[in-house]
N, C-alpha and C. Protein backbone atom coordinates (compact mmCIF):
# COMPACT_ATOMS: atom_id res chain seq x y z
N VAL A 1 -24.53 -15.26 4.98
CA VAL A 1 -24.64 -15.02 3.72
C VAL A 1 -26.16 -14.39 3.82
N GLY A 2 -26.41 -13.50 3.18
CA GLY A 2 -28.01 -13.39 3.08
C GLY A 2 -28.07 -11.74 3.04
N PHE A 3 -29.15 -11.37 2.79
CA PHE A 3 -29.80 -9.89 3.05
C PHE A 3 -30.61 -9.78 4.30
N GLY A 4 -30.35 -8.19 4.70
CA GLY A 4 -30.98 -7.88 5.92
C GLY A 4 -32.33 -8.13 5.77
N ARG A 5 -33.49 -8.11 4.82
CA ARG A 5 -34.59 -8.23 4.92
C ARG A 5 -35.13 -9.48 4.95
N GLY A 6 -34.28 -10.45 5.25
CA GLY A 6 -34.82 -11.99 4.96
C GLY A 6 -35.02 -12.59 3.87
N ASN A 7 -34.81 -11.86 2.96
CA ASN A 7 -34.59 -12.66 1.78
C ASN A 7 -33.45 -13.53 1.31
N LEU A 8 -34.01 -14.73 0.74
CA LEU A 8 -33.18 -15.50 0.51
C LEU A 8 -32.36 -15.46 -0.94
N PRO A 9 -31.04 -15.16 -0.67
CA PRO A 9 -30.16 -14.86 -1.96
C PRO A 9 -30.45 -15.84 -2.97
N ARG A 10 -30.54 -15.43 -4.59
CA ARG A 10 -30.76 -16.33 -5.38
C ARG A 10 -29.73 -17.50 -5.47
N SER A 11 -28.51 -17.12 -5.16
CA SER A 11 -27.49 -18.38 -5.44
C SER A 11 -27.62 -19.47 -4.25
N VAL A 12 -28.22 -18.92 -3.05
CA VAL A 12 -28.56 -20.06 -2.00
C VAL A 12 -29.74 -20.97 -2.55
N GLN A 13 -30.87 -20.46 -3.25
CA GLN A 13 -31.99 -20.74 -3.78
C GLN A 13 -31.68 -21.80 -4.94
N ILE A 14 -30.81 -21.34 -5.80
CA ILE A 14 -30.34 -22.33 -6.95
C ILE A 14 -29.76 -23.53 -6.10
N TYR A 15 -28.52 -23.21 -5.47
CA TYR A 15 -27.86 -24.26 -4.67
C TYR A 15 -29.02 -25.63 -4.03
N ILE A 16 -29.85 -24.88 -3.36
CA ILE A 16 -30.86 -25.77 -2.59
C ILE A 16 -31.50 -26.63 -3.59
N ASN A 17 -31.72 -26.25 -4.80
CA ASN A 17 -32.74 -26.73 -5.74
C ASN A 17 -31.82 -27.89 -6.64
N GLU A 18 -30.45 -27.55 -6.95
CA GLU A 18 -29.61 -28.30 -7.54
C GLU A 18 -29.33 -29.25 -6.73
N ALA A 19 -28.53 -29.19 -5.62
CA ALA A 19 -27.88 -30.14 -4.56
C ALA A 19 -29.09 -30.77 -3.82
N ARG A 20 -30.36 -30.53 -3.75
CA ARG A 20 -31.33 -30.91 -2.84
C ARG A 20 -30.91 -31.03 -1.17
N VAL A 21 -30.14 -29.77 -0.83
CA VAL A 21 -29.93 -29.72 0.52
C VAL A 21 -30.52 -28.57 1.30
N ALA A 22 -30.35 -28.42 2.67
CA ALA A 22 -31.29 -27.71 3.51
C ALA A 22 -30.42 -26.03 3.34
N GLU A 23 -31.41 -25.42 3.80
CA GLU A 23 -30.97 -23.96 3.43
C GLU A 23 -29.69 -23.57 4.29
N GLU A 24 -29.37 -24.04 5.42
CA GLU A 24 -28.12 -23.91 6.12
C GLU A 24 -26.93 -24.40 5.33
N LEU A 25 -27.24 -25.46 5.05
CA LEU A 25 -26.06 -26.27 4.06
C LEU A 25 -25.82 -25.49 2.70
N ALA A 26 -26.97 -24.80 2.28
CA ALA A 26 -26.44 -24.16 1.13
C ALA A 26 -25.88 -22.82 1.34
N ARG A 27 -26.22 -22.25 2.39
CA ARG A 27 -25.80 -20.76 2.93
C ARG A 27 -24.25 -21.02 3.19
N GLN A 28 -24.08 -22.12 3.71
CA GLN A 28 -22.47 -22.41 4.11
C GLN A 28 -21.57 -22.76 2.76
N HIS A 29 -22.46 -23.41 1.87
CA HIS A 29 -21.76 -23.66 0.39
C HIS A 29 -21.28 -22.54 -0.40
N ILE A 30 -22.07 -21.55 -0.19
CA ILE A 30 -21.87 -20.10 -0.84
C ILE A 30 -20.82 -19.48 0.07
N ARG A 31 -21.14 -19.63 1.41
CA ARG A 31 -20.01 -18.85 1.85
C ARG A 31 -18.55 -19.33 1.86
N ASN A 32 -18.52 -20.61 1.78
CA ASN A 32 -17.35 -21.44 1.14
C ASN A 32 -16.77 -20.81 -0.18
N LEU A 33 -17.81 -20.89 -1.17
CA LEU A 33 -17.31 -20.27 -2.46
C LEU A 33 -16.82 -19.11 -2.59
N LEU A 34 -17.41 -18.14 -1.71
CA LEU A 34 -17.05 -16.58 -1.57
C LEU A 34 -15.54 -16.52 -0.95
N ARG A 35 -15.45 -17.20 0.11
CA ARG A 35 -14.00 -17.49 0.65
C ARG A 35 -12.85 -18.00 -0.13
N ASP A 36 -13.24 -18.89 -0.77
CA ASP A 36 -12.58 -19.60 -1.78
C ASP A 36 -11.96 -18.65 -2.99
N ALA A 37 -12.98 -18.02 -3.36
CA ALA A 37 -12.65 -17.01 -4.52
C ALA A 37 -11.64 -15.90 -4.28
N TRP A 38 -12.03 -15.30 -2.87
CA TRP A 38 -11.43 -14.39 -2.05
C TRP A 38 -9.89 -14.83 -1.80
N ARG A 39 -9.65 -15.91 -1.53
CA ARG A 39 -8.33 -16.44 -1.10
C ARG A 39 -7.59 -16.58 -2.52
N LYS A 40 -8.17 -16.76 -3.48
CA LYS A 40 -7.41 -17.34 -4.87
C LYS A 40 -7.40 -15.62 -5.34
N LEU A 41 -7.95 -14.89 -5.21
CA LEU A 41 -7.75 -13.45 -5.71
C LEU A 41 -6.66 -12.74 -4.74
N ASN A 42 -6.59 -12.79 -3.68
CA ASN A 42 -5.68 -12.37 -2.45
C ASN A 42 -4.34 -12.76 -3.25
N ARG A 43 -4.21 -14.30 -3.29
CA ARG A 43 -3.05 -14.98 -3.52
C ARG A 43 -2.44 -14.31 -4.84
N GLU A 44 -3.16 -14.45 -6.04
CA GLU A 44 -2.77 -13.82 -7.13
C GLU A 44 -2.15 -12.35 -7.02
N LEU A 45 -2.91 -11.34 -6.20
CA LEU A 45 -2.42 -10.17 -5.57
C LEU A 45 -1.06 -10.14 -5.14
N LEU A 46 -0.97 -11.10 -4.46
CA LEU A 46 0.08 -11.19 -3.38
C LEU A 46 1.59 -11.57 -4.23
N LEU A 47 1.13 -12.43 -5.39
CA LEU A 47 2.28 -12.81 -6.13
C LEU A 47 2.67 -11.83 -7.14
N ALA A 48 1.62 -10.96 -7.48
CA ALA A 48 1.96 -9.83 -8.37
C ALA A 48 2.72 -8.77 -7.58
N GLN A 49 2.47 -8.43 -6.51
CA GLN A 49 3.29 -7.46 -5.72
C GLN A 49 4.64 -7.96 -5.09
N GLN A 50 4.71 -9.36 -5.32
CA GLN A 50 6.16 -9.53 -4.60
C GLN A 50 7.06 -9.93 -5.80
N GLN A 51 6.58 -10.21 -7.10
CA GLN A 51 7.53 -10.41 -7.87
C GLN A 51 7.57 -9.51 -8.95
N GLU A 52 8.60 -8.87 -9.52
CA GLU A 52 8.82 -8.08 -10.47
C GLU A 52 8.28 -8.45 -11.65
N GLN A 53 8.59 -10.00 -11.85
CA GLN A 53 8.16 -10.56 -13.42
C GLN A 53 6.65 -10.59 -13.34
N GLN A 54 6.28 -11.05 -14.65
CA GLN A 54 4.90 -11.04 -14.99
C GLN A 54 4.09 -12.33 -14.12
N THR A 55 3.20 -12.23 -13.50
CA THR A 55 2.30 -13.64 -13.29
C THR A 55 1.41 -13.85 -14.00
N THR A 56 0.34 -14.74 -13.62
CA THR A 56 -0.69 -15.24 -14.67
C THR A 56 -1.39 -14.44 -15.24
N PHE A 57 -1.53 -13.06 -14.59
CA PHE A 57 -2.44 -11.93 -15.02
C PHE A 57 -1.72 -10.68 -14.83
N SER A 58 -1.99 -9.87 -15.66
CA SER A 58 -1.47 -8.60 -15.55
C SER A 58 -1.86 -7.91 -14.38
N ARG A 59 -1.05 -7.14 -13.70
CA ARG A 59 -1.61 -6.03 -12.79
C ARG A 59 -2.89 -5.32 -13.05
N SER A 60 -2.94 -4.55 -14.00
CA SER A 60 -4.17 -4.07 -14.52
C SER A 60 -5.58 -4.83 -14.20
N PHE A 61 -5.39 -6.32 -15.14
CA PHE A 61 -6.52 -7.16 -15.03
C PHE A 61 -6.46 -7.47 -13.41
N ILE A 62 -5.69 -7.85 -12.89
CA ILE A 62 -5.76 -7.88 -11.30
C ILE A 62 -6.74 -7.02 -10.63
N ASN A 63 -6.35 -5.66 -10.89
CA ASN A 63 -7.18 -4.61 -10.20
C ASN A 63 -8.45 -4.40 -10.79
N VAL A 64 -8.94 -4.81 -12.12
CA VAL A 64 -10.15 -4.80 -12.28
C VAL A 64 -10.97 -6.17 -11.73
N ALA A 65 -10.23 -6.89 -11.83
CA ALA A 65 -10.99 -8.36 -11.20
C ALA A 65 -11.27 -8.10 -9.49
N LEU A 66 -10.34 -7.71 -9.12
CA LEU A 66 -10.62 -7.16 -7.48
C LEU A 66 -11.77 -6.24 -7.35
N ASN A 67 -11.65 -5.33 -8.27
CA ASN A 67 -12.73 -4.02 -8.21
C ASN A 67 -14.29 -4.84 -8.33
N ILE A 68 -14.27 -5.69 -9.45
CA ILE A 68 -15.29 -6.27 -9.60
C ILE A 68 -15.60 -7.14 -8.47
N ALA A 69 -14.76 -7.58 -7.99
CA ALA A 69 -15.11 -8.80 -6.82
C ALA A 69 -15.71 -7.92 -5.64
N ARG A 70 -15.00 -6.96 -5.44
CA ARG A 70 -15.51 -6.03 -4.31
C ARG A 70 -17.03 -5.54 -4.47
N VAL A 71 -17.01 -5.01 -5.58
CA VAL A 71 -18.65 -4.47 -6.03
C VAL A 71 -19.56 -5.79 -5.95
N THR A 72 -19.27 -6.85 -6.26
CA THR A 72 -20.18 -7.95 -6.39
C THR A 72 -20.57 -8.51 -4.83
N GLN A 73 -19.30 -8.58 -4.08
CA GLN A 73 -19.30 -8.79 -2.57
C GLN A 73 -20.32 -7.74 -2.10
N CYS A 74 -20.01 -6.58 -2.13
CA CYS A 74 -21.14 -5.49 -1.51
C CYS A 74 -22.27 -5.66 -1.81
N MET A 75 -22.49 -5.97 -3.13
CA MET A 75 -24.15 -6.01 -3.56
C MET A 75 -24.86 -7.29 -3.01
N TYR A 76 -23.86 -8.26 -2.82
CA TYR A 76 -24.33 -9.65 -2.11
C TYR A 76 -24.61 -9.56 -0.83
N ASP A 77 -23.54 -8.62 -0.05
CA ASP A 77 -23.91 -8.38 1.51
C ASP A 77 -24.90 -7.37 1.56
N TYR A 78 -25.21 -6.27 0.80
CA TYR A 78 -25.82 -5.15 1.27
C TYR A 78 -26.99 -5.00 0.30
N GLU A 79 -27.32 -5.97 -0.75
CA GLU A 79 -28.20 -5.90 -1.65
C GLU A 79 -27.66 -5.07 -2.51
N ASP A 80 -28.72 -4.83 -3.66
CA ASP A 80 -28.34 -4.01 -4.94
C ASP A 80 -28.56 -2.45 -4.86
N GLY A 81 -29.32 -2.15 -4.01
CA GLY A 81 -29.43 -0.76 -3.92
C GLY A 81 -30.92 -0.12 -4.65
N VAL A 82 -31.42 -1.22 -5.38
CA VAL A 82 -32.55 -0.74 -6.14
C VAL A 82 -33.76 -0.59 -5.30
N GLY A 83 -33.88 -1.29 -4.42
CA GLY A 83 -35.19 -1.15 -3.43
C GLY A 83 -34.58 -0.49 -2.13
N VAL A 84 -33.53 0.22 -2.14
CA VAL A 84 -33.42 0.91 -0.87
C VAL A 84 -33.66 2.26 -1.16
N LEU A 85 -34.23 3.05 -0.08
CA LEU A 85 -34.76 4.30 -0.28
C LEU A 85 -33.40 5.07 -0.31
N GLU A 86 -32.63 4.86 0.62
CA GLU A 86 -31.49 5.70 0.97
C GLU A 86 -30.31 5.75 0.19
N HIS A 87 -30.68 4.59 -0.62
CA HIS A 87 -29.30 4.51 -1.58
C HIS A 87 -28.08 4.17 -0.97
N GLU A 88 -28.23 3.71 0.28
CA GLU A 88 -26.93 3.18 0.74
C GLU A 88 -26.07 2.22 0.15
N SER A 89 -26.44 1.22 -0.44
CA SER A 89 -25.70 0.61 -1.58
C SER A 89 -25.25 0.96 -2.50
N MET A 90 -26.05 1.89 -3.23
CA MET A 90 -25.43 2.53 -4.16
C MET A 90 -24.15 3.41 -3.91
N GLU A 91 -24.29 4.24 -2.88
CA GLU A 91 -23.31 5.04 -2.32
C GLU A 91 -21.91 3.89 -2.18
N ARG A 92 -22.13 3.04 -1.72
CA ARG A 92 -21.21 1.80 -1.39
C ARG A 92 -20.27 1.62 -2.86
N ILE A 93 -21.16 1.15 -3.78
CA ILE A 93 -20.60 0.57 -5.27
C ILE A 93 -20.31 1.66 -5.85
N TYR A 94 -20.56 3.19 -5.74
CA TYR A 94 -19.99 4.23 -6.21
C TYR A 94 -18.61 4.40 -5.75
N SER A 95 -18.47 4.33 -4.46
CA SER A 95 -17.20 4.52 -3.65
C SER A 95 -16.18 3.55 -4.21
N LEU A 96 -16.73 2.35 -4.26
CA LEU A 96 -15.81 1.18 -4.78
C LEU A 96 -15.29 1.51 -6.59
N ILE A 97 -16.25 2.07 -7.00
CA ILE A 97 -15.82 2.33 -8.66
C ILE A 97 -15.10 3.48 -8.92
N ALA A 98 -15.53 4.43 -7.88
CA ALA A 98 -14.96 5.80 -8.18
C ALA A 98 -13.50 6.12 -7.44
N GLU A 99 -13.56 5.64 -6.29
CA GLU A 99 -12.20 5.37 -5.39
C GLU A 99 -11.66 4.00 -5.33
N PRO A 100 -11.47 3.27 -6.35
CA PRO A 100 -10.69 1.78 -6.10
C PRO A 100 -9.48 1.70 -5.13
N ASN A 101 -9.57 0.73 -4.54
CA ASN A 101 -8.02 0.62 -3.88
C ASN A 101 -7.23 0.00 -4.93
N GLN A 102 -5.96 0.45 -5.01
CA GLN A 102 -4.76 0.41 -6.10
C GLN A 102 -4.00 -0.99 -5.44
N THR A 103 -3.59 -1.51 -5.98
CA THR A 103 -2.60 -2.66 -5.73
C THR A 103 -1.19 -2.30 -6.24
N ALA A 104 -0.33 -1.72 -5.42
CA ALA A 104 0.97 -1.34 -5.56
C ALA A 104 1.17 -0.54 -7.11
């Protein structure tokens, strides 16, 4: 968890302040939150694909949620692209929005 330039992500800073823990513990906590969120999203996606009947959420909602999660993860991993001259991150985000992965 973190940016390539050595900046401390805001989520880690907030958790350090709230829980009064060391940076590494805060980073691990954020990694765990991200991992758990992806597991939940993937589980719901698998349920939607395996069952013909309606799951907790509609397929279009699941697609939107997954695409937002993908963009968020991309921004978290590669920064938001605002300070990057090559606009590498913005191109990644654009590709996720313009060419999203479809679920069935």
